[in-house]
Amino acid sequence: MFLHRLAKICLAACVAASLAACGTGIASGDSGLFRRSPRVVDPAEQAQRDRAEAQRAAVTRSQAEETGRRKIWDLFTNTVDPNTTVEVNKYLWQASLEVLNFLPIESVDPFTGVIVTGYGAPPGGGRAYRATVYVQDPALDARSLRVALQTRGGGAVSAEATRAIEDSILTRARQLRVRDGKL
């Protein structure tokens, strides 16, 4: 009798836990009562996340190709090589820092190729700008460089101004390469 009652209590607890896990969607914001505004993602953060994810995927693929076969236990081991490096063109990196030297640097990550600056006005200009530079390839090429500019009010900068900054960085990078004598 006691075991029968205990089995009923356990069954009722399992059913209650199962129903509680289903949820109604109210806490997650699906009902519209607690709807949040969409989160604005910083392009530099998104680029950094994408780059890190691509690197992890490439390392995993290369390790799977090396071993040929994977085992179930490989899922529980840390197989990421800490000595793996991501190559960034040193001339584009240095040229970006030199061309945008009037802007205060907020963060730099030479492993992912991201430079984030604060607001600053160019010499002789009254408007304050902020820049995010992404060097995404070791080649000294225009396709390896991405520049995003923003004004203090959050407004977008014209494509011509962005292109002028990119051209200045590329020109300075080529000058640095010629100076090193590696042309």
N, C-alpha and C. Protein backbone atom coordinates (compact mmCIF):
# COMPACT_ATOMS: atom_id res chain seq x y z
N MET A 1 0.82 -1.19 0.00
CA MET A 1 0.00 0.00 0.00
C MET A 1 0.87 1.26 0.00
N PHE A 2 1.88 1.25 0.89
CA PHE A 2 2.77 2.40 0.97
C PHE A 2 3.53 2.60 -0.34
N LEU A 3 3.99 1.50 -0.96
CA LEU A 3 4.72 1.59 -2.22
C LEU A 3 3.82 2.10 -3.35
N HIS A 4 2.56 1.70 -3.32
CA HIS A 4 1.62 2.13 -4.33
C HIS A 4 1.41 3.65 -4.24
N ARG A 5 1.27 4.16 -3.03
CA ARG A 5 1.10 5.59 -2.81
C ARG A 5 2.37 6.36 -3.21
N LEU A 6 3.54 5.80 -2.89
CA LEU A 6 4.81 6.42 -3.25
C LEU A 6 4.99 6.48 -4.77
N ALA A 7 4.56 5.44 -5.46
CA ALA A 7 4.65 5.41 -6.92
C ALA A 7 3.75 6.49 -7.52
N LYS A 8 2.55 6.70 -6.95
CA LYS A 8 1.64 7.74 -7.44
C LYS A 8 2.24 9.13 -7.23
N ILE A 9 2.87 9.34 -6.08
CA ILE A 9 3.49 10.65 -5.79
C ILE A 9 4.64 10.91 -6.76
N CYS A 10 5.46 9.89 -7.01
CA CYS A 10 6.58 10.04 -7.95
C CYS A 10 6.08 10.32 -9.37
N LEU A 11 5.02 9.63 -9.77
CA LEU A 11 4.45 9.84 -11.09
C LEU A 11 3.89 11.25 -11.21
N ALA A 12 3.21 11.73 -10.19
CA ALA A 12 2.66 13.08 -10.21
C ALA A 12 3.78 14.12 -10.25
N ALA A 13 4.86 13.89 -9.53
CA ALA A 13 5.99 14.82 -9.55
C ALA A 13 6.64 14.86 -10.93
N CYS A 14 6.77 13.71 -11.58
CA CYS A 14 7.35 13.66 -12.92
C CYS A 14 6.48 14.39 -13.93
N VAL A 15 5.18 14.20 -13.84
CA VAL A 15 4.26 14.89 -14.75
C VAL A 15 4.31 16.40 -14.52
N ALA A 16 4.35 16.82 -13.25
CA ALA A 16 4.43 18.25 -12.95
C ALA A 16 5.73 18.85 -13.46
N ALA A 17 6.82 18.14 -13.30
CA ALA A 17 8.11 18.64 -13.78
C ALA A 17 8.12 18.72 -15.30
N SER A 18 7.51 17.75 -15.96
CA SER A 18 7.45 17.77 -17.42
C SER A 18 6.64 18.95 -17.92
N LEU A 19 5.52 19.20 -17.28
CA LEU A 19 4.68 20.33 -17.68
C LEU A 19 5.36 21.66 -17.39
N ALA A 20 6.07 21.74 -16.28
CA ALA A 20 6.77 22.98 -15.95
C ALA A 20 7.88 23.27 -16.95
N ALA A 21 8.49 22.22 -17.46
CA ALA A 21 9.57 22.41 -18.43
C ALA A 21 9.04 22.92 -19.76
N CYS A 22 7.78 22.61 -20.07
CA CYS A 22 7.20 23.07 -21.33
C CYS A 22 7.06 24.58 -21.34
N GLY A 23 6.62 25.17 -20.26
CA GLY A 23 6.49 26.62 -20.16
C GLY A 23 5.34 27.14 -21.00
N THR A 24 5.00 28.41 -20.76
CA THR A 24 3.92 29.05 -21.49
C THR A 24 4.42 30.08 -22.47
N GLY A 25 5.70 30.42 -22.41
CA GLY A 25 6.24 31.42 -23.32
C GLY A 25 6.15 32.82 -22.79
N ILE A 26 5.52 33.01 -21.63
CA ILE A 26 5.35 34.36 -21.09
C ILE A 26 6.70 34.89 -20.61
N ALA A 27 7.47 34.07 -19.92
CA ALA A 27 8.75 34.54 -19.39
C ALA A 27 9.76 34.76 -20.50
N SER A 28 9.63 34.02 -21.60
CA SER A 28 10.60 34.17 -22.68
C SER A 28 10.25 35.32 -23.61
N GLY A 29 9.12 35.96 -23.40
CA GLY A 29 8.79 37.13 -24.21
C GLY A 29 7.95 36.80 -25.42
N ASP A 30 7.49 35.56 -25.59
CA ASP A 30 6.72 35.20 -26.77
C ASP A 30 5.32 35.79 -26.76
N SER A 31 4.78 36.09 -25.59
CA SER A 31 3.40 36.56 -25.53
C SER A 31 3.27 38.03 -25.85
N GLY A 32 4.37 38.76 -25.86
CA GLY A 32 4.30 40.18 -26.14
C GLY A 32 4.22 41.02 -24.88
N LEU A 33 4.00 40.40 -23.71
CA LEU A 33 3.91 41.17 -22.48
C LEU A 33 5.25 41.71 -22.05
N PHE A 34 6.29 40.92 -22.25
CA PHE A 34 7.63 41.32 -21.82
C PHE A 34 8.55 41.44 -23.02
N ARG A 35 8.09 41.98 -24.10
CA ARG A 35 8.88 42.10 -25.32
C ARG A 35 10.01 43.09 -25.13
N ARG A 36 11.20 42.68 -25.55
CA ARG A 36 12.37 43.54 -25.44
C ARG A 36 12.66 44.18 -26.79
N SER A 37 13.34 45.31 -26.73
CA SER A 37 13.77 45.93 -27.98
C SER A 37 14.92 45.11 -28.53
N PRO A 38 15.08 45.10 -29.86
CA PRO A 38 16.16 44.30 -30.43
C PRO A 38 17.53 44.82 -29.99
N ARG A 39 18.44 43.89 -29.75
CA ARG A 39 19.77 44.23 -29.27
C ARG A 39 20.61 44.70 -30.45
N VAL A 40 21.27 45.82 -30.29
CA VAL A 40 22.15 46.34 -31.32
C VAL A 40 23.52 45.68 -31.14
N VAL A 41 24.01 45.06 -32.19
CA VAL A 41 25.27 44.34 -32.12
C VAL A 41 26.36 45.21 -32.72
N ASP A 42 27.44 45.38 -31.98
CA ASP A 42 28.58 46.15 -32.45
C ASP A 42 29.24 45.37 -33.58
N PRO A 43 29.52 46.01 -34.73
CA PRO A 43 30.14 45.28 -35.85
C PRO A 43 31.47 44.66 -35.49
N ALA A 44 32.22 45.31 -34.62
CA ALA A 44 33.52 44.75 -34.24
C ALA A 44 33.34 43.48 -33.43
N GLU A 45 32.36 43.48 -32.50
CA GLU A 45 32.11 42.28 -31.71
C GLU A 45 31.64 41.15 -32.60
N GLN A 46 30.73 41.45 -33.54
CA GLN A 46 30.20 40.43 -34.43
C GLN A 46 31.31 39.87 -35.31
N ALA A 47 32.17 40.73 -35.80
CA ALA A 47 33.27 40.28 -36.64
C ALA A 47 34.21 39.39 -35.85
N GLN A 48 34.45 39.77 -34.59
CA GLN A 48 35.34 38.98 -33.75
C GLN A 48 34.73 37.61 -33.48
N ARG A 49 33.42 37.57 -33.19
CA ARG A 49 32.75 36.29 -32.95
C ARG A 49 32.79 35.41 -34.19
N ASP A 50 32.52 36.01 -35.37
CA ASP A 50 32.53 35.25 -36.61
C ASP A 50 33.91 34.68 -36.90
N ARG A 51 34.93 35.50 -36.66
CA ARG A 51 36.30 35.07 -36.92
C ARG A 51 36.69 33.92 -35.98
N ALA A 52 36.33 34.04 -34.69
CA ALA A 52 36.65 32.99 -33.72
C ALA A 52 35.91 31.70 -34.06
N GLU A 53 34.65 31.80 -34.47
CA GLU A 53 33.88 30.61 -34.82
C GLU A 53 34.46 29.94 -36.06
N ALA A 54 34.86 30.73 -37.06
CA ALA A 54 35.47 30.17 -38.26
C ALA A 54 36.79 29.48 -37.92
N GLN A 55 37.55 30.08 -37.01
CA GLN A 55 38.82 29.48 -36.61
C GLN A 55 38.59 28.15 -35.90
N ARG A 56 37.61 28.11 -34.98
CA ARG A 56 37.31 26.86 -34.28
C ARG A 56 36.87 25.78 -35.26
N ALA A 57 36.04 26.15 -36.22
CA ALA A 57 35.56 25.18 -37.21
C ALA A 57 36.71 24.67 -38.07
N ALA A 58 37.61 25.56 -38.47
CA ALA A 58 38.74 25.15 -39.30
C ALA A 58 39.67 24.21 -38.54
N VAL A 59 39.91 24.51 -37.27
CA VAL A 59 40.77 23.65 -36.45
C VAL A 59 40.14 22.28 -36.30
N THR A 60 38.85 22.24 -36.04
CA THR A 60 38.15 20.97 -35.87
C THR A 60 38.19 20.16 -37.15
N ARG A 61 37.95 20.82 -38.31
CA ARG A 61 38.00 20.11 -39.58
C ARG A 61 39.39 19.56 -39.86
N SER A 62 40.41 20.39 -39.61
CA SER A 62 41.77 19.93 -39.89
C SER A 62 42.17 18.77 -38.99
N GLN A 63 41.74 18.81 -37.74
CA GLN A 63 42.06 17.70 -36.84
C GLN A 63 41.32 16.43 -37.25
N ALA A 64 40.09 16.57 -37.72
CA ALA A 64 39.34 15.40 -38.17
C ALA A 64 39.99 14.80 -39.41
N GLU A 65 40.52 15.67 -40.29
CA GLU A 65 41.18 15.17 -41.48
C GLU A 65 42.50 14.48 -41.13
N GLU A 66 43.21 14.99 -40.13
CA GLU A 66 44.49 14.40 -39.74
C GLU A 66 44.29 13.00 -39.17
N THR A 67 43.34 12.85 -38.29
CA THR A 67 43.13 11.55 -37.66
C THR A 67 42.38 10.59 -38.55
N GLY A 68 41.58 11.11 -39.45
CA GLY A 68 40.83 10.24 -40.35
C GLY A 68 39.55 9.73 -39.71
N ARG A 69 39.61 9.34 -38.48
CA ARG A 69 38.44 8.82 -37.78
C ARG A 69 38.30 9.54 -36.46
N ARG A 70 37.08 9.76 -36.09
CA ARG A 70 36.81 10.40 -34.81
C ARG A 70 36.09 9.41 -33.92
N LYS A 71 36.31 9.54 -32.64
CA LYS A 71 35.65 8.68 -31.68
C LYS A 71 34.68 9.51 -30.86
N ILE A 72 33.76 8.86 -30.23
CA ILE A 72 32.77 9.55 -29.42
C ILE A 72 33.43 10.29 -28.26
N TRP A 73 34.54 9.76 -27.76
CA TRP A 73 35.21 10.38 -26.62
C TRP A 73 35.91 11.67 -27.01
N ASP A 74 36.15 11.88 -28.31
CA ASP A 74 36.77 13.12 -28.77
C ASP A 74 35.89 14.34 -28.53
N LEU A 75 34.61 14.11 -28.35
CA LEU A 75 33.69 15.22 -28.07
C LEU A 75 33.95 15.84 -26.71
N PHE A 76 34.54 15.07 -25.80
CA PHE A 76 34.72 15.53 -24.43
C PHE A 76 36.14 16.02 -24.14
N THR A 77 36.97 16.09 -25.17
CA THR A 77 38.33 16.57 -24.97
C THR A 77 38.50 17.93 -25.62
N ASN A 78 39.41 18.71 -25.09
CA ASN A 78 39.71 20.02 -25.65
C ASN A 78 40.74 19.83 -26.75
N THR A 79 40.31 19.91 -28.00
CA THR A 79 41.19 19.64 -29.12
C THR A 79 41.67 20.90 -29.82
N VAL A 80 41.41 22.07 -29.27
CA VAL A 80 41.84 23.32 -29.88
C VAL A 80 43.30 23.57 -29.52
N ASP A 81 44.10 23.79 -30.53
CA ASP A 81 45.53 24.03 -30.32
C ASP A 81 45.74 25.48 -29.90
N PRO A 82 46.29 25.74 -28.71
CA PRO A 82 46.47 27.13 -28.27
C PRO A 82 47.56 27.86 -29.04
N ASN A 83 48.37 27.14 -29.79
CA ASN A 83 49.44 27.77 -30.55
C ASN A 83 49.02 28.14 -31.96
N THR A 84 47.76 27.94 -32.32
CA THR A 84 47.27 28.31 -33.63
C THR A 84 47.19 29.82 -33.73
N THR A 85 47.71 30.36 -34.82
CA THR A 85 47.69 31.81 -35.00
C THR A 85 46.84 32.17 -36.20
N VAL A 86 46.25 33.34 -36.15
CA VAL A 86 45.50 33.89 -37.26
C VAL A 86 46.38 34.98 -37.85
N GLU A 87 46.63 34.90 -39.14
CA GLU A 87 47.52 35.85 -39.77
C GLU A 87 46.79 37.12 -40.16
N VAL A 88 47.42 38.25 -39.85
CA VAL A 88 46.92 39.56 -40.21
C VAL A 88 48.06 40.28 -40.91
N ASN A 89 47.77 41.00 -41.98
CA ASN A 89 48.79 41.72 -42.71
C ASN A 89 49.37 42.83 -41.85
N LYS A 90 50.67 42.76 -41.58
CA LYS A 90 51.29 43.72 -40.67
C LYS A 90 51.32 45.12 -41.25
N TYR A 91 51.40 45.25 -42.58
CA TYR A 91 51.43 46.56 -43.19
C TYR A 91 50.06 47.25 -43.09
N LEU A 92 48.99 46.49 -43.33
CA LEU A 92 47.64 47.06 -43.18
C LEU A 92 47.39 47.43 -41.73
N TRP A 93 47.86 46.60 -40.81
CA TRP A 93 47.66 46.86 -39.38
C TRP A 93 48.36 48.15 -38.97
N GLN A 94 49.63 48.27 -39.33
CA GLN A 94 50.40 49.46 -38.97
C GLN A 94 49.86 50.71 -39.67
N ALA A 95 49.50 50.58 -40.94
CA ALA A 95 48.96 51.72 -41.68
C ALA A 95 47.64 52.19 -41.08
N SER A 96 46.81 51.27 -40.62
CA SER A 96 45.54 51.65 -39.99
C SER A 96 45.79 52.46 -38.73
N LEU A 97 46.75 52.01 -37.94
CA LEU A 97 47.07 52.75 -36.71
C LEU A 97 47.65 54.13 -37.02
N GLU A 98 48.47 54.23 -38.08
CA GLU A 98 49.07 55.51 -38.43
C GLU A 98 48.06 56.48 -39.03
N VAL A 99 47.22 56.01 -39.93
CA VAL A 99 46.25 56.90 -40.59
C VAL A 99 45.20 57.39 -39.60
N LEU A 100 44.79 56.54 -38.69
CA LEU A 100 43.76 56.92 -37.72
C LEU A 100 44.35 57.31 -36.37
N ASN A 101 45.57 57.85 -36.37
CA ASN A 101 46.24 58.18 -35.11
C ASN A 101 45.58 59.34 -34.37
N PHE A 102 44.70 60.09 -35.01
CA PHE A 102 44.00 61.18 -34.33
C PHE A 102 42.81 60.67 -33.51
N LEU A 103 42.48 59.39 -33.65
CA LEU A 103 41.38 58.80 -32.89
C LEU A 103 41.94 58.02 -31.70
N PRO A 104 41.31 58.16 -30.53
CA PRO A 104 41.79 57.38 -29.38
C PRO A 104 41.44 55.89 -29.55
N ILE A 105 42.38 55.04 -29.27
CA ILE A 105 42.16 53.60 -29.43
C ILE A 105 41.45 53.06 -28.20
N GLU A 106 40.33 52.37 -28.43
CA GLU A 106 39.59 51.74 -27.35
C GLU A 106 40.01 50.29 -27.16
N SER A 107 40.14 49.56 -28.27
CA SER A 107 40.58 48.18 -28.16
C SER A 107 41.24 47.75 -29.46
N VAL A 108 42.21 46.86 -29.33
CA VAL A 108 42.87 46.26 -30.48
C VAL A 108 43.03 44.78 -30.21
N ASP A 109 42.91 44.00 -31.26
CA ASP A 109 43.12 42.56 -31.16
C ASP A 109 43.86 42.11 -32.41
N PRO A 110 45.19 42.02 -32.34
CA PRO A 110 45.95 41.66 -33.53
C PRO A 110 45.71 40.21 -33.98
N PHE A 111 45.16 39.37 -33.13
CA PHE A 111 44.92 37.98 -33.52
C PHE A 111 43.69 37.86 -34.41
N THR A 112 42.70 38.71 -34.20
CA THR A 112 41.51 38.68 -35.05
C THR A 112 41.52 39.82 -36.05
N GLY A 113 42.41 40.79 -35.89
CA GLY A 113 42.54 41.87 -36.85
C GLY A 113 41.54 42.99 -36.65
N VAL A 114 41.09 43.23 -35.43
CA VAL A 114 40.08 44.26 -35.17
C VAL A 114 40.68 45.41 -34.38
N ILE A 115 40.45 46.63 -34.87
CA ILE A 115 40.85 47.85 -34.18
C ILE A 115 39.60 48.68 -33.98
N VAL A 116 39.29 49.04 -32.73
CA VAL A 116 38.12 49.86 -32.42
C VAL A 116 38.63 51.15 -31.78
N THR A 117 38.19 52.28 -32.32
CA THR A 117 38.62 53.57 -31.79
C THR A 117 37.45 54.29 -31.16
N GLY A 118 37.78 55.31 -30.38
CA GLY A 118 36.77 56.18 -29.81
C GLY A 118 36.53 57.35 -30.74
N TYR A 119 35.72 58.31 -30.27
CA TYR A 119 35.41 59.47 -31.09
C TYR A 119 36.56 60.47 -31.06
N GLY A 120 36.82 61.06 -32.20
CA GLY A 120 37.84 62.08 -32.31
C GLY A 120 37.65 62.84 -33.61
N ALA A 121 38.09 64.08 -33.63
CA ALA A 121 37.96 64.92 -34.82
C ALA A 121 39.27 64.90 -35.59
N PRO A 122 39.21 64.80 -36.93
CA PRO A 122 40.44 64.83 -37.71
C PRO A 122 41.06 66.23 -37.67
N PRO A 123 42.35 66.33 -37.92
CA PRO A 123 42.99 67.65 -37.91
C PRO A 123 42.33 68.56 -38.95
N GLY A 124 41.92 69.72 -38.53
CA GLY A 124 41.27 70.68 -39.42
C GLY A 124 39.79 70.42 -39.65
N GLY A 125 39.23 69.44 -39.00
CA GLY A 125 37.81 69.13 -39.17
C GLY A 125 37.07 69.28 -37.86
N GLY A 126 35.80 69.64 -37.93
CA GLY A 126 35.04 69.86 -36.72
C GLY A 126 34.18 68.68 -36.31
N ARG A 127 33.93 67.77 -37.21
CA ARG A 127 33.04 66.65 -36.94
C ARG A 127 33.81 65.49 -36.31
N ALA A 128 33.25 64.88 -35.28
CA ALA A 128 33.91 63.78 -34.58
C ALA A 128 33.48 62.45 -35.21
N TYR A 129 34.44 61.57 -35.38
CA TYR A 129 34.22 60.26 -35.97
C TYR A 129 34.70 59.16 -35.04
N ARG A 130 34.18 57.98 -35.29
CA ARG A 130 34.61 56.76 -34.61
C ARG A 130 34.83 55.72 -35.70
N ALA A 131 35.85 54.89 -35.56
CA ALA A 131 36.16 53.91 -36.60
C ALA A 131 36.34 52.51 -36.02
N THR A 132 35.94 51.54 -36.82
CA THR A 132 36.23 50.14 -36.55
C THR A 132 36.90 49.59 -37.79
N VAL A 133 38.11 49.07 -37.62
CA VAL A 133 38.89 48.54 -38.73
C VAL A 133 39.01 47.04 -38.55
N TYR A 134 38.81 46.32 -39.65
CA TYR A 134 38.89 44.86 -39.62
C TYR A 134 39.83 44.41 -40.73
N VAL A 135 41.00 43.91 -40.35
CA VAL A 135 41.97 43.36 -41.30
C VAL A 135 41.73 41.86 -41.29
N GLN A 136 41.20 41.35 -42.39
CA GLN A 136 40.71 39.97 -42.37
C GLN A 136 41.55 38.97 -43.16
N ASP A 137 42.69 39.39 -43.70
CA ASP A 137 43.47 38.47 -44.51
C ASP A 137 44.94 38.88 -44.47
N PRO A 138 45.87 37.95 -44.62
CA PRO A 138 47.28 38.33 -44.61
C PRO A 138 47.75 38.99 -45.90
N ALA A 139 46.94 39.03 -46.93
CA ALA A 139 47.33 39.63 -48.20
C ALA A 139 47.24 41.16 -48.12
N LEU A 140 48.15 41.83 -48.80
CA LEU A 140 48.10 43.29 -48.90
C LEU A 140 47.20 43.61 -50.08
N ASP A 141 45.90 43.64 -49.79
CA ASP A 141 44.89 43.76 -50.82
C ASP A 141 43.71 44.54 -50.27
N ALA A 142 42.98 45.21 -51.15
CA ALA A 142 41.82 45.99 -50.71
C ALA A 142 40.73 45.09 -50.12
N ARG A 143 40.66 43.85 -50.57
CA ARG A 143 39.65 42.93 -50.04
C ARG A 143 39.96 42.50 -48.61
N SER A 144 41.17 42.74 -48.17
CA SER A 144 41.59 42.34 -46.82
C SER A 144 41.22 43.37 -45.77
N LEU A 145 40.72 44.52 -46.18
CA LEU A 145 40.49 45.64 -45.26
C LEU A 145 39.02 46.05 -45.27
N ARG A 146 38.45 46.20 -44.08
CA ARG A 146 37.09 46.71 -43.92
C ARG A 146 37.14 47.84 -42.89
N VAL A 147 36.58 48.97 -43.25
CA VAL A 147 36.54 50.12 -42.35
C VAL A 147 35.09 50.55 -42.18
N ALA A 148 34.67 50.75 -40.95
CA ALA A 148 33.33 51.25 -40.64
C ALA A 148 33.48 52.55 -39.85
N LEU A 149 32.89 53.61 -40.36
CA LEU A 149 32.96 54.91 -39.70
C LEU A 149 31.59 55.29 -39.16
N GLN A 150 31.59 56.08 -38.09
CA GLN A 150 30.35 56.51 -37.47
C GLN A 150 30.57 57.90 -36.90
N THR A 151 29.54 58.76 -36.98
CA THR A 151 29.63 60.08 -36.39
C THR A 151 29.15 60.03 -34.95
N ARG A 152 29.41 61.11 -34.23
CA ARG A 152 29.06 61.12 -32.81
C ARG A 152 27.56 60.93 -32.59
N GLY A 153 26.73 61.48 -33.43
CA GLY A 153 25.29 61.33 -33.28
C GLY A 153 24.78 59.97 -33.70
N GLY A 154 25.67 59.08 -34.09
CA GLY A 154 25.24 57.74 -34.50
C GLY A 154 24.91 57.68 -35.97
N GLY A 155 25.13 58.76 -36.68
CA GLY A 155 24.80 58.78 -38.09
C GLY A 155 25.85 58.07 -38.92
N ALA A 156 25.42 57.65 -40.08
CA ALA A 156 26.33 56.96 -40.98
C ALA A 156 27.20 57.99 -41.71
N VAL A 157 28.34 57.55 -42.11
CA VAL A 157 29.28 58.39 -42.85
C VAL A 157 29.15 58.02 -44.32
N SER A 158 29.34 58.97 -45.19
CA SER A 158 29.18 58.72 -46.62
C SER A 158 30.17 57.66 -47.11
N ALA A 159 29.78 56.99 -48.16
CA ALA A 159 30.62 55.94 -48.73
C ALA A 159 31.92 56.53 -49.26
N GLU A 160 31.87 57.77 -49.74
CA GLU A 160 33.08 58.41 -50.26
C GLU A 160 34.10 58.63 -49.15
N ALA A 161 33.64 59.06 -47.98
CA ALA A 161 34.55 59.29 -46.85
C ALA A 161 35.18 57.98 -46.39
N THR A 162 34.37 56.94 -46.31
CA THR A 162 34.88 55.63 -45.92
C THR A 162 35.89 55.13 -46.94
N ARG A 163 35.56 55.30 -48.22
CA ARG A 163 36.48 54.88 -49.29
C ARG A 163 37.79 55.65 -49.22
N ALA A 164 37.72 56.96 -48.90
CA ALA A 164 38.93 57.77 -48.79
C ALA A 164 39.83 57.27 -47.66
N ILE A 165 39.22 56.91 -46.54
CA ILE A 165 40.01 56.36 -45.41
C ILE A 165 40.64 55.03 -45.81
N GLU A 166 39.88 54.15 -46.45
CA GLU A 166 40.42 52.87 -46.90
C GLU A 166 41.57 53.08 -47.88
N ASP A 167 41.42 54.01 -48.82
CA ASP A 167 42.48 54.30 -49.78
C ASP A 167 43.72 54.83 -49.09
N SER A 168 43.54 55.69 -48.10
CA SER A 168 44.69 56.22 -47.35
C SER A 168 45.43 55.11 -46.62
N ILE A 169 44.68 54.19 -46.02
CA ILE A 169 45.30 53.07 -45.31
C ILE A 169 46.06 52.18 -46.29
N LEU A 170 45.44 51.88 -47.44
CA LEU A 170 46.10 51.02 -48.43
C LEU A 170 47.35 51.69 -48.99
N THR A 171 47.28 52.98 -49.25
CA THR A 171 48.45 53.70 -49.76
C THR A 171 49.58 53.68 -48.75
N ARG A 172 49.26 53.95 -47.50
CA ARG A 172 50.29 53.94 -46.46
C ARG A 172 50.86 52.53 -46.27
N ALA A 173 50.03 51.50 -46.37
CA ALA A 173 50.51 50.12 -46.24
C ALA A 173 51.49 49.78 -47.36
N ARG A 174 51.19 50.22 -48.57
CA ARG A 174 52.11 49.98 -49.69
C ARG A 174 53.42 50.73 -49.48
N GLN A 175 53.34 51.95 -48.95
CA GLN A 175 54.57 52.71 -48.66
C GLN A 175 55.41 51.98 -47.63
N LEU A 176 54.78 51.44 -46.60
CA LEU A 176 55.52 50.70 -45.58
C LEU A 176 56.18 49.45 -46.16
N ARG A 177 55.48 48.79 -47.05
CA ARG A 177 56.03 47.58 -47.66
C ARG A 177 57.23 47.93 -48.54
N VAL A 178 57.13 48.99 -49.32
CA VAL A 178 58.25 49.42 -50.16
C VAL A 178 59.44 49.84 -49.29
N ARG A 179 59.16 50.52 -48.21
CA ARG A 179 60.22 50.94 -47.30
C ARG A 179 60.98 49.75 -46.73
N ASP A 180 60.26 48.65 -46.46
CA ASP A 180 60.91 47.45 -45.96
C ASP A 180 61.71 46.72 -47.03
N GLY A 181 61.50 47.10 -48.28
CA GLY A 181 62.25 46.48 -49.37
C GLY A 181 61.81 45.09 -49.72
N LYS A 182 60.55 44.78 -49.45
CA LYS A 182 60.06 43.44 -49.73
C LYS A 182 59.10 43.43 -50.91
N LEU A 183 59.26 44.37 -51.80
CA LEU A 183 58.37 44.43 -52.97
C LEU A 183 58.87 43.58 -54.08
